[in-house]
Amino acid sequence: MIILNENLEQILVLDEYKSLIWTERYSEYGDFELCIPMQERILDFVRHNNYIWHESEECLMIIESIKLVSDLEEGDYLVVTGRSLESILTRRIIWTQTVLSGNLQNGIKKLLNDAIIAPTDASRKISNFTFKPSTDSTVTELTVSAQFTGDNLYEAIKKLCDNVSIGFKVTLTEDDKFQFELYNGADRSYSQFNNPFVVFSPTFENIINSNYLNDESSHKTVNLVAGEGE
């Protein structure tokens, strides 16, 4: 586990920790929860807006919350949480009315250009943010027809991707760029036969813990819909 500062410089290699939950997602930001024994020197490195990178994972996480927990039996420890680089998109809105029509990838690139990569207001620019065009035909052939005004940039892009079942990610390149990319994942469900199936089940011993909930407390059988004057 490596901690980077805001300039993306490596400042600490973290070899020991109590626990780590690291979640990456297909078409939305991921998140993490890291528990580490409390040491004063750690606080010099574990700071808001620093980054955490796990050597076996692709995405980079942003430190957003640091909590000190006191425990008489286990001792004091820090609970550090945050989200992956995709969450940077939540920091921008679509400032002016924007109409997208035609190629989907070009439309999303326009949203990113206007809000982050080359905005008219230079203060909104993130200088190391780049866009990598996909060459996958399942992405390049998609079209869009949409209009946005004042929408959160992340929510708008997520909606566009969810509508056509493609993913998006922001990764750190070797030259310290935040690179946005659209991609199409592999379908491994029982409904297709091109890829090997992936099934999670206690039967296959690939689930450690599971919970089942059957809750009808909010179940209703009738809806009443009425308009003004009716």
C-alpha atoms as a PDB file:
ATOM      1  CA  MET A   1       0.000   0.000   0.000  1.00  0.00           C
ATOM      2  CA  ILE A   2       1.496   3.322  -1.094  1.00  0.00           C
ATOM      3  CA  ILE A   3       0.473   6.822  -0.010  1.00  0.00           C
ATOM      4  CA  LEU A   4       1.002   9.722  -2.413  1.00  0.00           C
ATOM      5  CA  ASN A   5       0.769  13.419  -1.644  1.00  0.00           C
ATOM      6  CA  GLU A   6      -1.312  15.928  -3.620  1.00  0.00           C
ATOM      7  CA  ASN A   7       1.554  16.275  -6.101  1.00  0.00           C
ATOM      8  CA  LEU A   8       1.393  12.487  -6.698  1.00  0.00           C
ATOM      9  CA  GLU A   9       4.767  11.957  -5.044  1.00  0.00           C
ATOM     10  CA  GLN A  10       5.266   8.745  -3.056  1.00  0.00           C
ATOM     11  CA  ILE A  11       5.610   9.631   0.620  1.00  0.00           C
ATOM     12  CA  LEU A  12       4.970   6.376   2.494  1.00  0.00           C
ATOM     13  CA  VAL A  13       4.874   2.618   1.978  1.00  0.00           C
ATOM     14  CA  LEU A  14       2.310   1.162   4.368  1.00  0.00           C
ATOM     15  CA  ASP A  15       3.078  -2.500   5.065  1.00  0.00           C
ATOM     16  CA  GLU A  16       0.989  -3.111   8.190  1.00  0.00           C
ATOM     17  CA  TYR A  17      -2.706  -2.471   8.753  1.00  0.00           C
ATOM     18  CA  LYS A  18      -5.602  -4.014  10.680  1.00  0.00           C
ATOM     19  CA  SER A  19      -7.979  -4.358   7.758  1.00  0.00           C
ATOM     20  CA  LEU A  20      -8.684  -3.088   4.255  1.00  0.00           C
ATOM     21  CA  ILE A  21     -11.886  -2.978   2.205  1.00  0.00           C
ATOM     22  CA  TRP A  22     -11.148  -1.933  -1.385  1.00  0.00           C
ATOM     23  CA  THR A  23     -14.097  -1.734  -3.803  1.00  0.00           C
ATOM     24  CA  GLU A  24     -13.914  -0.924  -7.522  1.00  0.00           C
ATOM     25  CA  ARG A  25     -17.077  -0.531  -9.612  1.00  0.00           C
ATOM     26  CA  TYR A  26     -17.962  -0.729 -13.289  1.00  0.00           C
ATOM     27  CA  SER A  27     -19.774   2.539 -13.978  1.00  0.00           C
ATOM     28  CA  GLU A  28     -19.381   4.560 -10.791  1.00  0.00           C
ATOM     29  CA  TYR A  29     -16.694   5.516  -8.321  1.00  0.00           C
ATOM     30  CA  GLY A  30     -15.255   2.940  -5.943  1.00  0.00           C
ATOM     31  CA  ASP A  31     -14.387   3.403  -2.279  1.00  0.00           C
ATOM     32  CA  PHE A  32     -12.138   2.056   0.456  1.00  0.00           C
ATOM     33  CA  GLU A  33     -11.893   1.677   4.222  1.00  0.00           C
ATOM     34  CA  LEU A  34      -8.465   1.253   5.786  1.00  0.00           C
ATOM     35  CA  CYS A  35      -7.871   0.579   9.489  1.00  0.00           C
ATOM     36  CA  ILE A  36      -4.341   1.151  10.765  1.00  0.00           C
ATOM     37  CA  PRO A  37      -2.831   1.237  14.276  1.00  0.00           C
ATOM     38  CA  MET A  38      -2.514   4.804  15.512  1.00  0.00           C
ATOM     39  CA  GLN A  39       0.995   6.245  15.283  1.00  0.00           C
ATOM     40  CA  GLU A  40       1.778   9.953  15.401  1.00  0.00           C
ATOM     41  CA  ARG A  41       4.110   9.711  12.422  1.00  0.00           C
ATOM     42  CA  ILE A  42       1.269   8.281  10.306  1.00  0.00           C
ATOM     43  CA  LEU A  43      -0.680  11.530  10.679  1.00  0.00           C
ATOM     44  CA  ASP A  44       2.063  13.316   8.742  1.00  0.00           C
ATOM     45  CA  PHE A  45       1.171  11.220   5.683  1.00  0.00           C
ATOM     46  CA  VAL A  46      -2.484  10.230   6.045  1.00  0.00           C
ATOM     47  CA  ARG A  47      -4.099  13.541   5.172  1.00  0.00           C
ATOM     48  CA  HIS A  48      -7.171  14.742   3.316  1.00  0.00           C
ATOM     49  CA  ASN A  49      -6.713  14.809  -0.475  1.00  0.00           C
ATOM     50  CA  ASN A  50      -3.642  12.601  -0.392  1.00  0.00           C
ATOM     51  CA  TYR A  51      -3.936   9.391  -2.411  1.00  0.00           C
ATOM     52  CA  ILE A  52      -3.730   5.682  -1.650  1.00  0.00           C
ATOM     53  CA  TRP A  53      -2.672   3.141  -4.234  1.00  0.00           C
ATOM     54  CA  HIS A  54      -2.746  -0.643  -3.877  1.00  0.00           C
ATOM     55  CA  GLU A  55      -0.128  -2.398  -5.983  1.00  0.00           C
ATOM     56  CA  SER A  56      -2.533  -5.101  -7.177  1.00  0.00           C
ATOM     57  CA  GLU A  57      -5.326  -2.705  -8.203  1.00  0.00           C
ATOM     58  CA  GLU A  58      -5.823  -0.323 -11.116  1.00  0.00           C
ATOM     59  CA  CYS A  59      -7.576   2.590  -9.495  1.00  0.00           C
ATOM     60  CA  LEU A  60      -6.269   5.284  -7.180  1.00  0.00           C
ATOM     61  CA  MET A  61      -8.210   6.318  -4.090  1.00  0.00           C
ATOM     62  CA  ILE A  62      -8.540   9.806  -2.580  1.00  0.00           C
ATOM     63  CA  ILE A  63      -8.365  10.158   1.222  1.00  0.00           C
ATOM     64  CA  GLU A  64     -11.526  12.000   2.298  1.00  0.00           C
ATOM     65  CA  SER A  65     -12.180  11.026   5.922  1.00  0.00           C
ATOM     66  CA  ILE A  66      -9.900  10.222   8.875  1.00  0.00           C
ATOM     67  CA  LYS A  67     -11.362   9.014  12.162  1.00  0.00           C
ATOM     68  CA  LEU A  68      -9.512   8.135  15.378  1.00  0.00           C
ATOM     69  CA  VAL A  69     -11.030   5.236  17.310  1.00  0.00           C
ATOM     70  CA  SER A  70     -10.038   4.484  20.914  1.00  0.00           C
ATOM     71  CA  ASP A  71     -10.329   0.886  22.072  1.00  0.00           C
ATOM     72  CA  LEU A  72      -9.110  -0.372  25.460  1.00  0.00           C
ATOM     73  CA  GLU A  73      -8.591  -3.912  24.189  1.00  0.00           C
ATOM     74  CA  GLU A  74      -7.238  -3.322  20.675  1.00  0.00           C
ATOM     75  CA  GLY A  75      -5.623   0.073  21.212  1.00  0.00           C
ATOM     76  CA  ASP A  76      -6.136   3.283  19.261  1.00  0.00           C
ATOM     77  CA  TYR A  77      -6.418   3.060  15.495  1.00  0.00           C
ATOM     78  CA  LEU A  78      -7.308   5.198  12.492  1.00  0.00           C
ATOM     79  CA  VAL A  79     -10.205   4.503  10.136  1.00  0.00           C
ATOM     80  CA  VAL A  80      -9.356   6.100   6.792  1.00  0.00           C
ATOM     81  CA  THR A  81     -11.979   6.226   4.042  1.00  0.00           C
ATOM     82  CA  GLY A  82     -12.432   7.790   0.634  1.00  0.00           C
ATOM     83  CA  ARG A  83     -13.422   7.298  -2.984  1.00  0.00           C
ATOM     84  CA  SER A  84     -11.656   6.529  -6.255  1.00  0.00           C
ATOM     85  CA  LEU A  85     -10.547   9.091  -8.853  1.00  0.00           C
ATOM     86  CA  GLU A  86     -13.917   8.980 -10.630  1.00  0.00           C
ATOM     87  CA  SER A  87     -15.285  11.004  -7.694  1.00  0.00           C
ATOM     88  CA  ILE A  88     -13.368  14.034  -9.022  1.00  0.00           C
ATOM     89  CA  LEU A  89     -16.228  14.400 -11.515  1.00  0.00           C
ATOM     90  CA  THR A  90     -18.600  15.193  -8.622  1.00  0.00           C
ATOM     91  CA  ARG A  91     -16.668  18.442  -8.083  1.00  0.00           C
ATOM     92  CA  ARG A  92     -17.971  19.982 -11.304  1.00  0.00           C
ATOM     93  CA  ILE A  93     -21.383  20.831 -12.737  1.00  0.00           C
ATOM     94  CA  ILE A  94     -22.446  21.362 -16.343  1.00  0.00           C
ATOM     95  CA  TRP A  95     -22.330  25.143 -16.176  1.00  0.00           C
ATOM     96  CA  THR A  96     -24.283  26.108 -19.291  1.00  0.00           C
ATOM     97  CA  GLN A  97     -27.075  24.464 -21.257  1.00  0.00           C
ATOM     98  CA  THR A  98     -25.453  21.658 -23.251  1.00  0.00           C
ATOM     99  CA  VAL A  99     -27.182  19.635 -25.945  1.00  0.00           C
ATOM    100  CA  LEU A 100     -25.632  16.302 -26.952  1.00  0.00           C
ATOM    101  CA  SER A 101     -26.621  14.681 -30.218  1.00  0.00           C
ATOM    102  CA  GLY A 102     -24.826  12.019 -32.228  1.00  0.00           C
ATOM    103  CA  ASN A 103     -21.811  10.012 -31.083  1.00  0.00           C
ATOM    104  CA  LEU A 104     -21.903   9.179 -27.346  1.00  0.00           C
ATOM    105  CA  GLN A 105     -18.151   9.165 -26.784  1.00  0.00           C
ATOM    106  CA  ASN A 106     -17.779  12.583 -28.419  1.00  0.00           C
ATOM    107  CA  GLY A 107     -20.641  13.870 -26.292  1.00  0.00           C
ATOM    108  CA  ILE A 108     -19.036  12.747 -23.044  1.00  0.00           C
ATOM    109  CA  LYS A 109     -15.712  14.185 -24.185  1.00  0.00           C
ATOM    110  CA  LYS A 110     -17.454  17.547 -24.724  1.00  0.00           C
ATOM    111  CA  LEU A 111     -18.845  17.472 -21.176  1.00  0.00           C
ATOM    112  CA  LEU A 112     -15.359  16.789 -19.798  1.00  0.00           C
ATOM    113  CA  ASN A 113     -13.730  19.441 -21.997  1.00  0.00           C
ATOM    114  CA  ASP A 114     -16.229  22.111 -20.962  1.00  0.00           C
ATOM    115  CA  ALA A 115     -16.024  21.319 -17.230  1.00  0.00           C
ATOM    116  CA  ILE A 116     -12.490  20.059 -16.556  1.00  0.00           C
ATOM    117  CA  ILE A 117     -10.045  19.701 -19.460  1.00  0.00           C
ATOM    118  CA  ALA A 118     -10.450  23.016 -21.330  1.00  0.00           C
ATOM    119  CA  PRO A 119     -13.138  25.140 -19.624  1.00  0.00           C
ATOM    120  CA  THR A 120     -13.621  28.793 -20.528  1.00  0.00           C
ATOM    121  CA  ASP A 121     -13.108  29.615 -16.844  1.00  0.00           C
ATOM    122  CA  ALA A 122      -9.478  28.616 -16.217  1.00  0.00           C
ATOM    123  CA  SER A 123     -10.108  28.180 -12.476  1.00  0.00           C
ATOM    124  CA  ARG A 124     -12.272  25.120 -13.230  1.00  0.00           C
ATOM    125  CA  LYS A 125      -9.485  23.332 -15.129  1.00  0.00           C
ATOM    126  CA  ILE A 126      -7.707  20.254 -13.738  1.00  0.00           C
ATOM    127  CA  SER A 127      -4.405  20.483 -15.569  1.00  0.00           C
ATOM    128  CA  ASN A 128      -3.466  16.793 -15.510  1.00  0.00           C
ATOM    129  CA  PHE A 129      -6.914  15.448 -16.506  1.00  0.00           C
ATOM    130  CA  THR A 130      -6.999  13.801 -19.944  1.00  0.00           C
ATOM    131  CA  PHE A 131      -9.413  11.873 -22.141  1.00  0.00           C
ATOM    132  CA  LYS A 132      -8.421   8.590 -23.822  1.00  0.00           C
ATOM    133  CA  PRO A 133     -10.744   7.711 -26.731  1.00  0.00           C
ATOM    134  CA  SER A 134     -11.937   4.118 -26.831  1.00  0.00           C
ATOM    135  CA  THR A 135     -11.360   2.160 -30.041  1.00  0.00           C
ATOM    136  CA  ASP A 136     -13.845  -0.561 -29.086  1.00  0.00           C
ATOM    137  CA  SER A 137     -16.664  -0.580 -31.635  1.00  0.00           C
ATOM    138  CA  THR A 138     -19.209  -1.412 -28.916  1.00  0.00           C
ATOM    139  CA  VAL A 139     -18.378   2.025 -27.482  1.00  0.00           C
ATOM    140  CA  THR A 140     -17.592   4.078 -30.599  1.00  0.00           C
ATOM    141  CA  GLU A 141     -20.851   3.138 -32.354  1.00  0.00           C
ATOM    142  CA  LEU A 142     -23.108   4.296 -29.502  1.00  0.00           C
ATOM    143  CA  THR A 143     -25.216   7.425 -29.963  1.00  0.00           C
ATOM    144  CA  VAL A 144     -26.805   9.912 -27.589  1.00  0.00           C
ATOM    145  CA  SER A 145     -29.543  12.508 -27.494  1.00  0.00           C
ATOM    146  CA  ALA A 146     -29.616  14.466 -24.246  1.00  0.00           C
ATOM    147  CA  GLN A 147     -29.672  17.951 -22.749  1.00  0.00           C
ATOM    148  CA  PHE A 148     -28.108  19.131 -19.476  1.00  0.00           C
ATOM    149  CA  THR A 149     -28.131  22.407 -17.566  1.00  0.00           C
ATOM    150  CA  GLY A 150     -26.597  22.669 -14.107  1.00  0.00           C
ATOM    151  CA  ASP A 151     -26.421  18.896 -13.651  1.00  0.00           C
ATOM    152  CA  ASN A 152     -23.609  17.372 -11.641  1.00  0.00           C
ATOM    153  CA  LEU A 153     -20.988  16.187 -14.149  1.00  0.00           C
ATOM    154  CA  TYR A 154     -20.543  12.798 -12.476  1.00  0.00           C
ATOM    155  CA  GLU A 155     -24.282  12.090 -12.349  1.00  0.00           C
ATOM    156  CA  ALA A 156     -24.718  13.091 -15.997  1.00  0.00           C
ATOM    157  CA  ILE A 157     -21.902  10.841 -17.239  1.00  0.00           C
ATOM    158  CA  LYS A 158     -23.019   7.960 -15.038  1.00  0.00           C
ATOM    159  CA  LYS A 159     -26.579   8.240 -16.386  1.00  0.00           C
ATOM    160  CA  LEU A 160     -25.356   8.255 -19.993  1.00  0.00           C
ATOM    161  CA  CYS A 161     -23.182   5.182 -19.401  1.00  0.00           C
ATOM    162  CA  ASP A 162     -25.829   3.286 -17.430  1.00  0.00           C
ATOM    163  CA  ASN A 163     -28.347   3.817 -20.235  1.00  0.00           C
ATOM    164  CA  VAL A 164     -26.124   1.828 -22.621  1.00  0.00           C
ATOM    165  CA  SER A 165     -24.465  -0.506 -20.075  1.00  0.00           C
ATOM    166  CA  ILE A 166     -20.886   0.687 -20.531  1.00  0.00           C
ATOM    167  CA  GLY A 167     -18.352   1.553 -17.866  1.00  0.00           C
ATOM    168  CA  PHE A 168     -16.051   4.493 -17.247  1.00  0.00           C
ATOM    169  CA  LYS A 169     -12.881   4.864 -15.224  1.00  0.00           C
ATOM    170  CA  VAL A 170     -10.248   7.428 -14.291  1.00  0.00           C
ATOM    171  CA  THR A 171      -6.778   5.962 -13.779  1.00  0.00           C
ATOM    172  CA  LEU A 172      -3.320   7.339 -13.050  1.00  0.00           C
ATOM    173  CA  THR A 173      -0.894   7.075 -15.961  1.00  0.00           C
ATOM    174  CA  GLU A 174       2.878   6.647 -15.744  1.00  0.00           C
ATOM    175  CA  ASP A 175       3.348  10.361 -16.412  1.00  0.00           C
ATOM    176  CA  ASP A 176       0.953  11.320 -13.571  1.00  0.00           C
ATOM    177  CA  LYS A 177      -2.119  12.112 -15.658  1.00  0.00           C
ATOM    178  CA  PHE A 178      -5.701  11.423 -14.570  1.00  0.00           C
ATOM    179  CA  GLN A 179      -6.936   9.530 -17.630  1.00  0.00           C
ATOM    180  CA  PHE A 180     -10.672   9.159 -18.299  1.00  0.00           C
ATOM    181  CA  GLU A 181     -11.748   6.247 -20.473  1.00  0.00           C
ATOM    182  CA  LEU A 182     -14.978   4.542 -21.533  1.00  0.00           C
ATOM    183  CA  TYR A 183     -14.969   0.754 -21.791  1.00  0.00           C
ATOM    184  CA  ASN A 184     -17.234  -2.219 -22.335  1.00  0.00           C
ATOM    185  CA  GLY A 185     -16.958  -5.043 -19.819  1.00  0.00           C
ATOM    186  CA  ALA A 186     -17.153  -8.771 -20.472  1.00  0.00           C
ATOM    187  CA  ASP A 187     -20.564 -10.378 -19.948  1.00  0.00           C
ATOM    188  CA  ARG A 188     -20.063 -13.484 -17.781  1.00  0.00           C
ATOM    189  CA  SER A 189     -23.701 -14.215 -16.974  1.00  0.00           C
ATOM    190  CA  TYR A 190     -25.679 -17.351 -17.842  1.00  0.00           C
ATOM    191  CA  SER A 191     -27.500 -15.401 -20.559  1.00  0.00           C
ATOM    192  CA  GLN A 192     -24.514 -15.557 -22.957  1.00  0.00           C
ATOM    193  CA  PHE A 193     -22.112 -18.210 -24.266  1.00  0.00           C
ATOM    194  CA  ASN A 194     -19.088 -16.229 -25.513  1.00  0.00           C
ATOM    195  CA  ASN A 195     -17.289 -15.890 -22.157  1.00  0.00           C
ATOM    196  CA  PRO A 196     -16.779 -18.292 -19.245  1.00  0.00           C
ATOM    197  CA  PHE A 197     -19.476 -17.919 -16.589  1.00  0.00           C
ATOM    198  CA  VAL A 198     -18.656 -16.333 -13.233  1.00  0.00           C
ATOM    199  CA  VAL A 199     -20.911 -17.410 -10.374  1.00  0.00           C
ATOM    200  CA  PHE A 200     -20.558 -16.516  -6.706  1.00  0.00           C
ATOM    201  CA  SER A 201     -22.053 -19.059  -4.333  1.00  0.00           C
ATOM    202  CA  PRO A 202     -21.285 -20.729  -0.979  1.00  0.00           C
ATOM    203  CA  THR A 203     -21.442 -23.981  -2.955  1.00  0.00           C
ATOM    204  CA  PHE A 204     -18.269 -22.961  -4.816  1.00  0.00           C
ATOM    205  CA  GLU A 205     -16.654 -21.686  -1.609  1.00  0.00           C
ATOM    206  CA  ASN A 206     -16.030 -18.242  -3.116  1.00  0.00           C
ATOM    207  CA  ILE A 207     -18.250 -16.338  -0.646  1.00  0.00           C
ATOM    208  CA  ILE A 208     -16.986 -15.992   2.917  1.00  0.00           C
ATOM    209  CA  ASN A 209     -20.122 -14.430   4.440  1.00  0.00           C
ATOM    210  CA  SER A 210     -23.641 -13.856   3.130  1.00  0.00           C
ATOM    211  CA  ASN A 211     -26.940 -12.417   4.363  1.00  0.00           C
ATOM    212  CA  TYR A 212     -30.503 -12.932   3.153  1.00  0.00           C
ATOM    213  CA  LEU A 213     -33.325 -10.455   3.809  1.00  0.00           C
ATOM    214  CA  ASN A 214     -37.013 -10.806   2.920  1.00  0.00           C
ATOM    215  CA  ASP A 215     -38.804  -7.597   3.934  1.00  0.00           C
ATOM    216  CA  GLU A 216     -42.384  -6.667   2.985  1.00  0.00           C
ATOM    217  CA  SER A 217     -42.751  -3.734   5.405  1.00  0.00           C
ATOM    218  CA  SER A 218     -43.065  -1.207   2.551  1.00  0.00           C
ATOM    219  CA  HIS A 219     -45.072  -3.425   0.187  1.00  0.00           C
ATOM    220  CA  LYS A 220     -48.273  -1.877  -1.219  1.00  0.00           C
ATOM    221  CA  THR A 221     -50.922  -3.317  -3.524  1.00  0.00           C
ATOM    222  CA  VAL A 222     -52.686  -0.162  -4.752  1.00  0.00           C
ATOM    223  CA  ASN A 223     -51.524   3.229  -6.084  1.00  0.00           C
ATOM    224  CA  LEU A 224     -53.723   6.301  -6.428  1.00  0.00           C
ATOM    225  CA  VAL A 225     -52.578   8.733  -9.132  1.00  0.00           C
ATOM    226  CA  ALA A 226     -54.321  12.104  -9.428  1.00  0.00           C
ATOM    227  CA  GLY A 227     -53.677  15.325 -11.308  1.00  0.00           C
ATOM    228  CA  GLU A 228     -54.530  18.918 -10.463  1.00  0.00           C
ATOM    229  CA  GLY A 229     -58.289  19.465 -10.509  1.00  0.00           C
ATOM    230  CA  GLU A 230     -59.116  15.764 -10.512  1.00  0.00           C
END
